[in-house]
Amino acid sequence: MADYQIVLDEQEITMFLGIHAFEKETMQRVLISATIDVFLTDDSDFYDYDALTDFIRGFAGKQIETQEELLRLIHGFIVEDRRVRHAVVHTKKPDIYPDTRSIGVRYSG
């Protein structure tokens, strides 16, 4: 039995994300990261991060109004696994402001 930390670093998808007209008309890049604390019961147990990355890919091309909503959906998927003790999910929109690297939101629980 052991605690592990799974780290997903900036999976990129393209989708409609935002409340502004230009965000509803043009898809944009979104970077998604997660840090997941998981308790595994034995050496043959593992966290299926393929399922997580596939779930995130499912948002490609979709419309969601806020990063907060996207975060709650992803976080909810992660914590459905009873072995997850804690998860932090972070989204970033790198192409919104020309004078910033990105604007993002972090959700923890």
C-alpha atoms as a PDB file:
ATOM      1  CA  MET A   1       0.000   0.000   0.000  1.00  0.00           C
ATOM      2  CA  ALA A   2       1.386   3.375  -0.988  1.00  0.00           C
ATOM      3  CA  ASP A   3       0.552   6.960  -1.807  1.00  0.00           C
ATOM      4  CA  TYR A   4       1.397   8.178  -5.292  1.00  0.00           C
ATOM      5  CA  GLN A   5       1.097  11.525  -6.992  1.00  0.00           C
ATOM      6  CA  ILE A   6       0.022  11.507 -10.620  1.00  0.00           C
ATOM      7  CA  VAL A   7       1.024  14.620 -12.587  1.00  0.00           C
ATOM      8  CA  LEU A   8      -0.572  15.628 -15.888  1.00  0.00           C
ATOM      9  CA  ASP A   9       1.312  18.595 -17.342  1.00  0.00           C
ATOM     10  CA  GLU A  10      -0.438  20.872 -19.840  1.00  0.00           C
ATOM     11  CA  GLN A  11      -2.473  18.574 -22.026  1.00  0.00           C
ATOM     12  CA  GLU A  12      -3.522  20.800 -24.938  1.00  0.00           C
ATOM     13  CA  ILE A  13      -6.969  20.801 -26.505  1.00  0.00           C
ATOM     14  CA  THR A  14      -8.717  23.278 -28.793  1.00  0.00           C
ATOM     15  CA  MET A  15     -12.255  24.281 -27.887  1.00  0.00           C
ATOM     16  CA  PHE A  16     -14.692  27.157 -27.474  1.00  0.00           C
ATOM     17  CA  LEU A  17     -14.127  28.419 -23.918  1.00  0.00           C
ATOM     18  CA  GLY A  18     -15.380  31.764 -22.701  1.00  0.00           C
ATOM     19  CA  ILE A  19     -18.238  34.186 -22.315  1.00  0.00           C
ATOM     20  CA  HIS A  20     -17.061  36.818 -24.793  1.00  0.00           C
ATOM     21  CA  ALA A  21     -18.351  36.833 -28.373  1.00  0.00           C
ATOM     22  CA  PHE A  22     -14.890  36.228 -29.870  1.00  0.00           C
ATOM     23  CA  GLU A  23     -14.461  33.185 -27.586  1.00  0.00           C
ATOM     24  CA  LYS A  24     -17.785  31.749 -28.735  1.00  0.00           C
ATOM     25  CA  GLU A  25     -16.944  32.274 -32.420  1.00  0.00           C
ATOM     26  CA  THR A  26     -13.340  31.056 -32.517  1.00  0.00           C
ATOM     27  CA  MET A  27     -11.835  27.997 -30.900  1.00  0.00           C
ATOM     28  CA  GLN A  28      -8.789  28.550 -28.734  1.00  0.00           C
ATOM     29  CA  ARG A  29      -6.047  26.480 -27.170  1.00  0.00           C
ATOM     30  CA  VAL A  30      -6.612  25.369 -23.590  1.00  0.00           C
ATOM     31  CA  LEU A  31      -3.888  23.795 -21.448  1.00  0.00           C
ATOM     32  CA  ILE A  32      -5.002  21.424 -18.707  1.00  0.00           C
ATOM     33  CA  SER A  33      -2.868  20.195 -15.830  1.00  0.00           C
ATOM     34  CA  ALA A  34      -3.689  18.048 -12.817  1.00  0.00           C
ATOM     35  CA  THR A  35      -1.942  16.800  -9.710  1.00  0.00           C
ATOM     36  CA  ILE A  36      -3.701  13.782  -8.248  1.00  0.00           C
ATOM     37  CA  ASP A  37      -2.913  12.154  -4.902  1.00  0.00           C
ATOM     38  CA  VAL A  38      -3.918   8.510  -5.119  1.00  0.00           C
ATOM     39  CA  PHE A  39      -3.658   5.582  -2.705  1.00  0.00           C
ATOM     40  CA  LEU A  40      -2.802   2.289  -4.385  1.00  0.00           C
ATOM     41  CA  THR A  41      -3.374  -0.935  -2.488  1.00  0.00           C
ATOM     42  CA  ASP A  42      -0.671  -3.194  -3.914  1.00  0.00           C
ATOM     43  CA  ASP A  43       2.067  -3.452  -6.526  1.00  0.00           C
ATOM     44  CA  SER A  44      -0.336  -4.521  -9.266  1.00  0.00           C
ATOM     45  CA  ASP A  45      -2.683  -1.557  -8.681  1.00  0.00           C
ATOM     46  CA  PHE A  46      -2.299   1.531 -10.884  1.00  0.00           C
ATOM     47  CA  TYR A  47      -4.042   4.787 -11.790  1.00  0.00           C
ATOM     48  CA  ASP A  48      -5.361   4.740 -15.367  1.00  0.00           C
ATOM     49  CA  TYR A  49      -4.247   8.101 -16.688  1.00  0.00           C
ATOM     50  CA  ASP A  50      -5.248   7.037 -20.203  1.00  0.00           C
ATOM     51  CA  ALA A  51      -8.864   7.356 -19.059  1.00  0.00           C
ATOM     52  CA  LEU A  52      -8.159  10.886 -17.791  1.00  0.00           C
ATOM     53  CA  THR A  53      -6.440  12.096 -20.955  1.00  0.00           C
ATOM     54  CA  ASP A  54      -9.201  10.554 -23.092  1.00  0.00           C
ATOM     55  CA  PHE A  55     -11.839  12.299 -20.955  1.00  0.00           C
ATOM     56  CA  ILE A  56     -10.085  15.635 -21.451  1.00  0.00           C
ATOM     57  CA  ARG A  57      -9.756  15.049 -25.211  1.00  0.00           C
ATOM     58  CA  GLY A  58     -13.531  14.691 -25.255  1.00  0.00           C
ATOM     59  CA  PHE A  59     -13.843  18.457 -24.702  1.00  0.00           C
ATOM     60  CA  ALA A  60     -12.070  19.256 -27.994  1.00  0.00           C
ATOM     61  CA  GLY A  61     -14.385  21.267 -30.220  1.00  0.00           C
ATOM     62  CA  LYS A  62     -16.987  21.692 -27.454  1.00  0.00           C
ATOM     63  CA  GLN A  63     -18.408  24.935 -26.031  1.00  0.00           C
ATOM     64  CA  ILE A  64     -18.095  25.714 -22.318  1.00  0.00           C
ATOM     65  CA  GLU A  65     -18.600  29.199 -20.936  1.00  0.00           C
ATOM     66  CA  THR A  66     -16.054  29.339 -18.106  1.00  0.00           C
ATOM     67  CA  GLN A  67     -12.804  27.767 -17.015  1.00  0.00           C
ATOM     68  CA  GLU A  68     -14.467  27.165 -13.656  1.00  0.00           C
ATOM     69  CA  GLU A  69     -17.122  24.949 -15.256  1.00  0.00           C
ATOM     70  CA  LEU A  70     -14.488  23.014 -17.205  1.00  0.00           C
ATOM     71  CA  LEU A  71     -12.461  22.535 -14.021  1.00  0.00           C
ATOM     72  CA  ARG A  72     -15.432  21.198 -12.068  1.00  0.00           C
ATOM     73  CA  LEU A  73     -16.200  18.667 -14.811  1.00  0.00           C
ATOM     74  CA  ILE A  74     -12.626  17.390 -14.978  1.00  0.00           C
ATOM     75  CA  HIS A  75     -12.196  17.374 -11.205  1.00  0.00           C
ATOM     76  CA  GLY A  76     -15.477  15.475 -10.817  1.00  0.00           C
ATOM     77  CA  PHE A  77     -14.248  12.807 -13.226  1.00  0.00           C
ATOM     78  CA  ILE A  78     -10.985  12.447 -11.314  1.00  0.00           C
ATOM     79  CA  VAL A  79     -12.504  12.111  -7.842  1.00  0.00           C
ATOM     80  CA  GLU A  80     -14.996   9.458  -8.979  1.00  0.00           C
ATOM     81  CA  ASP A  81     -12.090   7.051  -8.463  1.00  0.00           C
ATOM     82  CA  ARG A  82     -12.362   6.009  -4.801  1.00  0.00           C
ATOM     83  CA  ARG A  83      -8.559   5.801  -4.508  1.00  0.00           C
ATOM     84  CA  VAL A  84      -8.133   9.529  -5.178  1.00  0.00           C
ATOM     85  CA  ARG A  85      -7.468  11.392  -1.943  1.00  0.00           C
ATOM     86  CA  HIS A  86      -7.031  14.883  -3.373  1.00  0.00           C
ATOM     87  CA  ALA A  87      -6.785  16.528  -6.775  1.00  0.00           C
ATOM     88  CA  VAL A  88      -5.782  19.928  -8.089  1.00  0.00           C
ATOM     89  CA  VAL A  89      -6.793  20.802 -11.642  1.00  0.00           C
ATOM     90  CA  HIS A  90      -5.495  23.863 -13.485  1.00  0.00           C
ATOM     91  CA  THR A  91      -6.601  25.301 -16.817  1.00  0.00           C
ATOM     92  CA  LYS A  92      -4.846  27.985 -18.828  1.00  0.00           C
ATOM     93  CA  LYS A  93      -5.831  29.949 -21.913  1.00  0.00           C
ATOM     94  CA  PRO A  94      -2.515  30.967 -23.505  1.00  0.00           C
ATOM     95  CA  ASP A  95      -3.805  33.044 -26.414  1.00  0.00           C
ATOM     96  CA  ILE A  96      -6.201  35.539 -24.789  1.00  0.00           C
ATOM     97  CA  TYR A  97      -3.950  38.463 -23.874  1.00  0.00           C
ATOM     98  CA  PRO A  98      -0.959  39.466 -26.003  1.00  0.00           C
ATOM     99  CA  ASP A  99       0.985  40.717 -22.968  1.00  0.00           C
ATOM    100  CA  THR A 100       0.605  37.584 -20.808  1.00  0.00           C
ATOM    101  CA  ARG A 101       1.807  34.023 -21.210  1.00  0.00           C
ATOM    102  CA  SER A 102      -1.631  32.750 -20.126  1.00  0.00           C
ATOM    103  CA  ILE A 103      -4.655  33.309 -17.905  1.00  0.00           C
ATOM    104  CA  GLY A 104      -5.788  30.398 -15.791  1.00  0.00           C
ATOM    105  CA  VAL A 105      -7.845  29.050 -12.933  1.00  0.00           C
ATOM    106  CA  ARG A 106      -6.919  26.408 -10.364  1.00  0.00           C
ATOM    107  CA  TYR A 107      -9.430  24.169  -8.534  1.00  0.00           C
ATOM    108  CA  SER A 108      -8.549  22.031  -5.536  1.00  0.00           C
ATOM    109  CA  GLY A 109     -10.505  19.512  -3.522  1.00  0.00           C
END
